[in-house]
Amino acid sequence: MYGHAIVVTSLRSECRYVGDKALISRRRFIELGVVAGVGLKAVAATAKVKGSELSGEVPTIRSYVELGGTGLKISDISFGSSQSSDPDLVRHALDRGITYFDTAESYRFGTSEVAIGDGLRGVRDRVILASKTKAAANANRVEIMRALEGSLGRLKTDYLDVYFNHAVNDVARIQNEEWWEFIQLAKQQGKIRYCGMSGHGSQLVRCLDYALEHDLVDVILVAYNFGQDPDFLNRLKQSLHFSNLQPDLPRMLFKAKQKNVGVIAMKTLMGARRNDIRLYERDGNTFAQAAFRWVLSNPYVDGLVVSMTSKKDIDEYVGGSSASKLADYEIRLLDRYMALNGSRYCRHGCDLCADACPKGVEIAEVLRTRMYDVDYGNPDLAQTDYVALGSGASACVTCADQPCQNSCPVGIPISTWTRDAALRFS
């Protein structure tokens, strides 16, 4: 039932077939802006968004979108705070037109919430504010309410627009009756307006399917980028051996849209190794902007959040606002990034290596913590999340057989990286 609808989530470089019907080429797709009867979001012709240094213009958000059926209107590119705790950055983002601010009680040990509360003092009615807690499968409503009230205090507000169960990778966490009784009570008390779940683990699709099927969420926040879409990789499969790593995620995004559930994307920069690609950017148009436009051109995605750690980054990022058809050079820029980093990026939700370690090392989770340090430059977050894994990758330090070594479909050197993580964080 989803075949023709899901086709539009990717930009193709060559003709493909669904059943016995041939789809048009990528170039023709870009010209028409429509595939199999499902159009991209209404957009004007592609415009080159130049950096402020070249154009002299102050970069700003140009598109605001409704978040599913909530009635909330958010900036299409929004402020993620997992790597910052600076009120000045919050105010700079607000000055650039950003209206949605995403945080969590665990980000930088609560200081990210404090910074957002300070930065948004006096303008609460102008913004949409979201935070998160990791409510376990056995959490009770009293402790969850205590977590919410802690966030409200740090954020200096008496309500949140969206409250997420954070990093869900176990269906039992969203089946917890205590969580849903808490949600109803918090809504009745006016402490939250809408609820959601976030996730990027191996069980993401299963958790999303359950939550959407049972009408349990108003908003979902999921890892989604061009590197997770197998259709984008058609040109590279032969040389880099990419596999279909999370084929059901586009179907979940479509299902959310059909259910009128808001969809926000995260981890849209595929590891954010921006320095690797700077050499190939031109005319003030950047890889980040192209990656954002790819995500936002998907009609099943409402907006995205991205970690903002400097005013320069904010100015660059908002330059990708207002989804438009990608120009050919932007497609080539994403291709180039994939060629450089495709075999160095652990795909969120793949987990094909899950059974490779006889000692039970959570390989994907270990690699995620390493990414926070190596790619994101956030050793505090990396260390905190690694410690939460318990023994982590300690078994890898003395492992001689390396049974995991060839289990990654994109060629990540698993044993080398897990051992590196163990030595970094132990």
Foldseek 3Di string as FASTA:
>chain_A
DCVFQLVLLAQFQDWDDDPNDIWDGNVVCQVVQHTSHDHWPDDDADDFLAFCVVPVDQAAQDDWFDFFPLRDIFGQEAAEALFDQALVLLLLLVVRPGAEYEEECPRVVNSNLLSQLVNCPPPVVRHAYEYEDQQDLPHALVVVVVRLVVSCVSSVHQAHAEYENEADQDLSRLVRPRVVVNVVVCCVVRRYPFYEYEHQAQRVLVNLVVCLVVVPGQEYEYADWNLQCVNLCPVPCVPQVDDNQCVCPSVSLVSCNVSSHGYEHEPQLQLQQQVVLPVLDDRRQGLLLLSQLSNSSSRSHGHYYYHDDDSSVSSSNSSSHDRGRDDPSNSVSVVVVCVVCVLPGDHGNRCQLQPQDPVRASQSQLVVLVSCCPRVVRPVSSLVSQVVSPCHLVVLLPDDPPSSQPRDSRRHRRSVSSNVSNVSRD
